[in-house]
Amino acid sequence: MNSLGLTGDGAEIGVKQGQYSEYLLEHWRGSRLFSVDPWKEFSVSEYHDADNVAQREQDRNHQITVNRLARFGERSKILRMTSEEAARTIADDSLSFAYLDARHDYASVKEDIA
């Protein structure tokens, strides 16, 4: 992304414990990274996946992410919300890139892209 000049704001959609957000912030020379994840337990009928863990584990993953990314200060903005909710808070055409790694079923990926 650096060599392509994608160094404005970026977003990672689907963060879990923040390892990739951390990697990006360490190596990417961009302005700010939005790390977007609702950290929310969904019903099995709504989302059947190994990453759909109990709310206690979701809250733990969120806290791990907050702790992991704190050292990046203003370059890191954690948004505890869905991609649809985040899209309403981030200005249109303001991102250099969006990395999608949230729910992996077809309908959810299509929703993230929209």
N, C-alpha and C. Protein backbone atom coordinates (compact mmCIF):
# COMPACT_ATOMS: atom_id res chain seq x y z
N MET A 1 0.82 -1.18 0.00
CA MET A 1 0.00 0.00 0.00
C MET A 1 0.87 1.25 0.00
N ASN A 2 1.99 1.18 0.71
CA ASN A 2 2.90 2.32 0.72
C ASN A 2 3.39 2.63 -0.69
N SER A 3 3.85 1.62 -1.40
CA SER A 3 4.40 1.84 -2.74
C SER A 3 3.33 2.28 -3.75
N LEU A 4 2.07 2.00 -3.45
CA LEU A 4 0.97 2.43 -4.31
C LEU A 4 0.45 3.81 -3.94
N GLY A 5 1.03 4.39 -2.90
CA GLY A 5 0.59 5.72 -2.47
C GLY A 5 -0.71 5.71 -1.69
N LEU A 6 -1.09 4.56 -1.17
CA LEU A 6 -2.34 4.45 -0.39
C LEU A 6 -2.04 4.78 1.06
N THR A 7 -1.73 6.04 1.32
CA THR A 7 -1.26 6.43 2.64
C THR A 7 -2.16 7.46 3.33
N GLY A 8 -3.39 7.57 2.88
CA GLY A 8 -4.35 8.41 3.59
C GLY A 8 -4.95 7.60 4.74
N ASP A 9 -6.26 7.67 4.89
CA ASP A 9 -6.96 6.85 5.88
C ASP A 9 -7.29 5.49 5.27
N GLY A 10 -7.29 4.46 6.11
CA GLY A 10 -7.67 3.12 5.68
C GLY A 10 -8.57 2.49 6.71
N ALA A 11 -9.14 1.33 6.35
CA ALA A 11 -10.03 0.63 7.27
C ALA A 11 -9.81 -0.87 7.18
N GLU A 12 -9.84 -1.49 8.34
CA GLU A 12 -9.90 -2.95 8.41
C GLU A 12 -11.28 -3.29 8.96
N ILE A 13 -12.02 -4.09 8.21
CA ILE A 13 -13.37 -4.50 8.61
C ILE A 13 -13.28 -5.95 9.07
N GLY A 14 -13.52 -6.18 10.35
CA GLY A 14 -13.34 -7.50 10.95
C GLY A 14 -11.98 -7.55 11.61
N VAL A 15 -11.93 -7.35 12.90
CA VAL A 15 -10.67 -7.11 13.60
C VAL A 15 -10.31 -8.23 14.58
N LYS A 16 -11.29 -8.82 15.21
CA LYS A 16 -11.15 -9.85 16.24
C LYS A 16 -10.25 -9.38 17.39
N GLN A 17 -8.96 -9.66 17.35
CA GLN A 17 -8.06 -9.25 18.44
C GLN A 17 -7.04 -8.20 18.00
N GLY A 18 -7.19 -7.70 16.79
CA GLY A 18 -6.38 -6.58 16.33
C GLY A 18 -4.99 -6.88 15.82
N GLN A 19 -4.66 -8.15 15.57
CA GLN A 19 -3.31 -8.47 15.12
C GLN A 19 -2.98 -7.82 13.77
N TYR A 20 -3.91 -7.89 12.82
CA TYR A 20 -3.61 -7.32 11.51
C TYR A 20 -3.63 -5.79 11.56
N SER A 21 -4.54 -5.21 12.35
CA SER A 21 -4.51 -3.76 12.53
C SER A 21 -3.15 -3.33 13.07
N GLU A 22 -2.65 -4.07 14.03
CA GLU A 22 -1.33 -3.77 14.60
C GLU A 22 -0.25 -3.86 13.53
N TYR A 23 -0.28 -4.91 12.73
CA TYR A 23 0.70 -5.09 11.67
C TYR A 23 0.65 -3.91 10.69
N LEU A 24 -0.57 -3.54 10.28
CA LEU A 24 -0.72 -2.42 9.36
C LEU A 24 -0.13 -1.15 9.96
N LEU A 25 -0.49 -0.85 11.19
CA LEU A 25 -0.03 0.38 11.82
C LEU A 25 1.49 0.39 12.02
N GLU A 26 2.10 -0.76 12.16
CA GLU A 26 3.56 -0.84 12.30
C GLU A 26 4.27 -0.62 10.96
N HIS A 27 3.68 -1.06 9.86
CA HIS A 27 4.38 -1.09 8.57
C HIS A 27 3.85 -0.11 7.53
N TRP A 28 2.62 0.27 7.65
CA TRP A 28 1.99 1.14 6.68
C TRP A 28 2.22 2.59 7.09
N ARG A 29 2.49 3.46 6.16
CA ARG A 29 2.78 4.86 6.48
C ARG A 29 1.55 5.76 6.36
N GLY A 30 0.39 5.18 6.47
CA GLY A 30 -0.85 5.95 6.33
C GLY A 30 -1.16 6.84 7.51
N SER A 31 -2.16 7.70 7.30
CA SER A 31 -2.56 8.68 8.31
C SER A 31 -3.28 8.07 9.49
N ARG A 32 -4.33 7.30 9.19
CA ARG A 32 -5.16 6.76 10.27
C ARG A 32 -5.82 5.48 9.80
N LEU A 33 -5.92 4.52 10.71
CA LEU A 33 -6.58 3.25 10.43
C LEU A 33 -7.82 3.13 11.29
N PHE A 34 -8.95 2.90 10.63
CA PHE A 34 -10.19 2.58 11.33
C PHE A 34 -10.25 1.06 11.47
N SER A 35 -10.33 0.58 12.69
CA SER A 35 -10.46 -0.86 12.96
C SER A 35 -11.92 -1.09 13.35
N VAL A 36 -12.68 -1.73 12.45
CA VAL A 36 -14.13 -1.82 12.58
C VAL A 36 -14.55 -3.25 12.89
N ASP A 37 -15.26 -3.42 13.99
CA ASP A 37 -15.79 -4.72 14.38
C ASP A 37 -16.86 -4.47 15.44
N PRO A 38 -18.01 -5.16 15.36
CA PRO A 38 -19.03 -4.94 16.39
C PRO A 38 -18.72 -5.66 17.69
N TRP A 39 -17.81 -6.62 17.67
CA TRP A 39 -17.52 -7.44 18.84
C TRP A 39 -18.84 -7.81 19.53
N LYS A 40 -19.66 -8.48 18.75
CA LYS A 40 -21.01 -8.82 19.19
C LYS A 40 -21.31 -10.28 18.87
N GLU A 41 -21.90 -10.96 19.82
CA GLU A 41 -22.36 -12.33 19.59
C GLU A 41 -23.65 -12.28 18.78
N PHE A 42 -23.68 -13.05 17.69
CA PHE A 42 -24.89 -13.15 16.87
C PHE A 42 -25.55 -14.50 17.12
N SER A 43 -26.83 -14.58 16.88
CA SER A 43 -27.51 -15.87 17.01
C SER A 43 -26.93 -16.81 15.94
N VAL A 44 -26.96 -18.10 16.21
CA VAL A 44 -26.41 -19.10 15.28
C VAL A 44 -27.17 -19.06 13.96
N SER A 45 -28.45 -18.79 14.00
CA SER A 45 -29.22 -18.71 12.76
C SER A 45 -28.82 -17.50 11.93
N GLU A 46 -28.30 -16.45 12.58
CA GLU A 46 -27.88 -15.24 11.90
C GLU A 46 -26.45 -15.37 11.37
N TYR A 47 -25.59 -16.04 12.15
CA TYR A 47 -24.18 -16.17 11.76
C TYR A 47 -23.60 -17.42 12.39
N HIS A 48 -23.41 -18.45 11.56
CA HIS A 48 -22.88 -19.73 12.03
C HIS A 48 -21.42 -19.82 11.60
N ASP A 49 -20.52 -19.57 12.56
CA ASP A 49 -19.09 -19.55 12.27
C ASP A 49 -18.33 -19.70 13.58
N ALA A 50 -17.13 -20.26 13.51
CA ALA A 50 -16.32 -20.45 14.71
C ALA A 50 -15.95 -19.13 15.39
N ASP A 51 -15.91 -18.04 14.64
CA ASP A 51 -15.59 -16.73 15.22
C ASP A 51 -16.78 -16.08 15.91
N ASN A 52 -17.95 -16.65 15.77
CA ASN A 52 -19.14 -16.12 16.45
C ASN A 52 -19.16 -16.71 17.87
N VAL A 53 -18.42 -16.08 18.75
CA VAL A 53 -18.26 -16.59 20.11
C VAL A 53 -19.18 -15.83 21.07
N ALA A 54 -19.28 -16.33 22.29
CA ALA A 54 -20.13 -15.72 23.31
C ALA A 54 -19.74 -14.27 23.57
N GLN A 55 -20.69 -13.48 24.05
CA GLN A 55 -20.45 -12.05 24.25
C GLN A 55 -19.27 -11.79 25.18
N ARG A 56 -19.10 -12.61 26.20
CA ARG A 56 -17.96 -12.44 27.11
C ARG A 56 -16.65 -12.50 26.35
N GLU A 57 -16.54 -13.45 25.41
CA GLU A 57 -15.33 -13.58 24.59
C GLU A 57 -15.21 -12.40 23.62
N GLN A 58 -16.32 -11.95 23.07
CA GLN A 58 -16.31 -10.76 22.19
C GLN A 58 -15.77 -9.55 22.95
N ASP A 59 -16.26 -9.35 24.17
CA ASP A 59 -15.80 -8.23 24.99
C ASP A 59 -14.31 -8.36 25.30
N ARG A 60 -13.86 -9.57 25.55
CA ARG A 60 -12.44 -9.82 25.80
C ARG A 60 -11.61 -9.49 24.57
N ASN A 61 -12.07 -9.92 23.38
CA ASN A 61 -11.37 -9.62 22.13
C ASN A 61 -11.29 -8.11 21.90
N HIS A 62 -12.36 -7.41 22.21
CA HIS A 62 -12.37 -5.96 22.06
C HIS A 62 -11.32 -5.33 22.97
N GLN A 63 -11.27 -5.76 24.23
CA GLN A 63 -10.30 -5.19 25.17
C GLN A 63 -8.86 -5.49 24.75
N ILE A 64 -8.63 -6.69 24.24
CA ILE A 64 -7.31 -7.05 23.73
C ILE A 64 -6.92 -6.09 22.60
N THR A 65 -7.87 -5.82 21.71
CA THR A 65 -7.62 -4.91 20.59
C THR A 65 -7.31 -3.50 21.09
N VAL A 66 -8.11 -3.01 22.02
CA VAL A 66 -7.89 -1.67 22.58
C VAL A 66 -6.49 -1.58 23.18
N ASN A 67 -6.11 -2.57 23.94
CA ASN A 67 -4.78 -2.58 24.56
C ASN A 67 -3.67 -2.66 23.51
N ARG A 68 -3.87 -3.50 22.51
CA ARG A 68 -2.86 -3.72 21.48
C ARG A 68 -2.62 -2.46 20.64
N LEU A 69 -3.67 -1.70 20.37
CA LEU A 69 -3.55 -0.57 19.45
C LEU A 69 -3.36 0.77 20.15
N ALA A 70 -3.41 0.79 21.47
CA ALA A 70 -3.30 2.04 22.23
C ALA A 70 -2.01 2.80 21.92
N ARG A 71 -0.93 2.08 21.70
CA ARG A 71 0.37 2.73 21.47
C ARG A 71 0.44 3.55 20.18
N PHE A 72 -0.55 3.37 19.29
CA PHE A 72 -0.55 4.09 18.02
C PHE A 72 -1.29 5.42 18.11
N GLY A 73 -1.87 5.71 19.25
CA GLY A 73 -2.52 7.00 19.47
C GLY A 73 -3.56 7.36 18.42
N GLU A 74 -3.44 8.57 17.89
CA GLU A 74 -4.43 9.11 16.95
C GLU A 74 -4.42 8.41 15.59
N ARG A 75 -3.39 7.63 15.29
CA ARG A 75 -3.37 6.88 14.02
C ARG A 75 -4.34 5.71 14.05
N SER A 76 -4.80 5.33 15.22
CA SER A 76 -5.69 4.19 15.37
C SER A 76 -7.04 4.66 15.90
N LYS A 77 -8.09 4.33 15.17
CA LYS A 77 -9.45 4.65 15.59
C LYS A 77 -10.25 3.36 15.58
N ILE A 78 -10.64 2.90 16.76
CA ILE A 78 -11.40 1.66 16.90
C ILE A 78 -12.89 2.01 16.89
N LEU A 79 -13.62 1.37 15.98
CA LEU A 79 -15.06 1.59 15.87
C LEU A 79 -15.77 0.28 16.20
N ARG A 80 -16.44 0.26 17.34
CA ARG A 80 -17.17 -0.94 17.76
C ARG A 80 -18.58 -0.86 17.17
N MET A 81 -18.65 -1.27 15.91
CA MET A 81 -19.90 -1.21 15.16
C MET A 81 -19.77 -2.07 13.91
N THR A 82 -20.88 -2.28 13.24
CA THR A 82 -20.86 -3.04 11.98
C THR A 82 -20.27 -2.17 10.88
N SER A 83 -19.92 -2.79 9.76
CA SER A 83 -19.40 -2.03 8.62
C SER A 83 -20.45 -1.06 8.10
N GLU A 84 -21.69 -1.45 8.14
CA GLU A 84 -22.78 -0.57 7.68
C GLU A 84 -22.87 0.68 8.57
N GLU A 85 -22.77 0.49 9.87
CA GLU A 85 -22.79 1.63 10.79
C GLU A 85 -21.56 2.50 10.60
N ALA A 86 -20.40 1.89 10.43
CA ALA A 86 -19.15 2.64 10.24
C ALA A 86 -19.20 3.45 8.96
N ALA A 87 -19.79 2.90 7.92
CA ALA A 87 -19.87 3.61 6.64
C ALA A 87 -20.64 4.92 6.77
N ARG A 88 -21.54 4.98 7.72
CA ARG A 88 -22.29 6.23 7.93
C ARG A 88 -21.48 7.26 8.71
N THR A 89 -20.39 6.85 9.36
CA THR A 89 -19.59 7.79 10.16
C THR A 89 -18.30 8.22 9.46
N ILE A 90 -17.92 7.50 8.42
CA ILE A 90 -16.70 7.82 7.67
C ILE A 90 -17.12 8.49 6.36
N ALA A 91 -16.53 9.62 6.07
CA ALA A 91 -16.91 10.38 4.87
C ALA A 91 -16.71 9.57 3.59
N ASP A 92 -17.65 9.71 2.66
CA ASP A 92 -17.55 9.05 1.37
C ASP A 92 -16.24 9.44 0.68
N ASP A 93 -15.65 8.48 0.00
CA ASP A 93 -14.43 8.68 -0.79
C ASP A 93 -13.24 9.18 0.03
N SER A 94 -13.26 8.91 1.35
CA SER A 94 -12.15 9.40 2.19
C SER A 94 -11.11 8.33 2.50
N LEU A 95 -11.37 7.09 2.13
CA LEU A 95 -10.43 6.00 2.45
C LEU A 95 -9.52 5.68 1.27
N SER A 96 -8.26 5.45 1.58
CA SER A 96 -7.32 4.96 0.56
C SER A 96 -7.55 3.49 0.27
N PHE A 97 -8.00 2.74 1.28
CA PHE A 97 -8.29 1.32 1.11
C PHE A 97 -9.23 0.85 2.21
N ALA A 98 -9.87 -0.27 1.94
CA ALA A 98 -10.66 -0.99 2.95
C ALA A 98 -10.30 -2.46 2.81
N TYR A 99 -9.88 -3.06 3.91
CA TYR A 99 -9.52 -4.48 3.95
C TYR A 99 -10.67 -5.22 4.61
N LEU A 100 -11.32 -6.12 3.87
CA LEU A 100 -12.49 -6.83 4.37
C LEU A 100 -12.09 -8.21 4.87
N ASP A 101 -12.33 -8.44 6.17
CA ASP A 101 -12.03 -9.73 6.78
C ASP A 101 -13.01 -10.00 7.92
N ALA A 102 -14.28 -9.73 7.66
CA ALA A 102 -15.30 -9.92 8.70
C ALA A 102 -15.99 -11.26 8.46
N ARG A 103 -17.30 -11.24 8.49
CA ARG A 103 -18.05 -12.47 8.23
C ARG A 103 -17.80 -12.92 6.80
N HIS A 104 -17.58 -14.21 6.62
CA HIS A 104 -17.10 -14.71 5.34
C HIS A 104 -18.16 -15.34 4.44
N ASP A 105 -19.42 -15.29 4.85
CA ASP A 105 -20.46 -15.82 3.96
C ASP A 105 -20.74 -14.79 2.86
N TYR A 106 -21.27 -15.27 1.74
CA TYR A 106 -21.46 -14.44 0.55
C TYR A 106 -22.27 -13.18 0.84
N ALA A 107 -23.41 -13.33 1.50
CA ALA A 107 -24.29 -12.19 1.77
C ALA A 107 -23.60 -11.14 2.63
N SER A 108 -22.82 -11.57 3.61
CA SER A 108 -22.14 -10.62 4.50
C SER A 108 -21.02 -9.89 3.79
N VAL A 109 -20.26 -10.59 2.95
CA VAL A 109 -19.19 -9.93 2.19
C VAL A 109 -19.80 -8.92 1.23
N LYS A 110 -20.89 -9.29 0.59
CA LYS A 110 -21.59 -8.38 -0.32
C LYS A 110 -22.05 -7.13 0.43
N GLU A 111 -22.56 -7.32 1.64
CA GLU A 111 -23.00 -6.20 2.48
C GLU A 111 -21.82 -5.31 2.86
N ASP A 112 -20.68 -5.91 3.22
CA ASP A 112 -19.49 -5.12 3.56
C ASP A 112 -19.02 -4.29 2.36
N ILE A 113 -19.04 -4.87 1.18
CA ILE A 113 -18.63 -4.15 -0.01
C ILE A 113 -19.55 -2.96 -0.26
N ALA A 114 -20.84 -3.20 -0.12
CA ALA A 114 -21.82 -2.10 -0.32
C ALA A 114 -21.58 -1.00 0.67
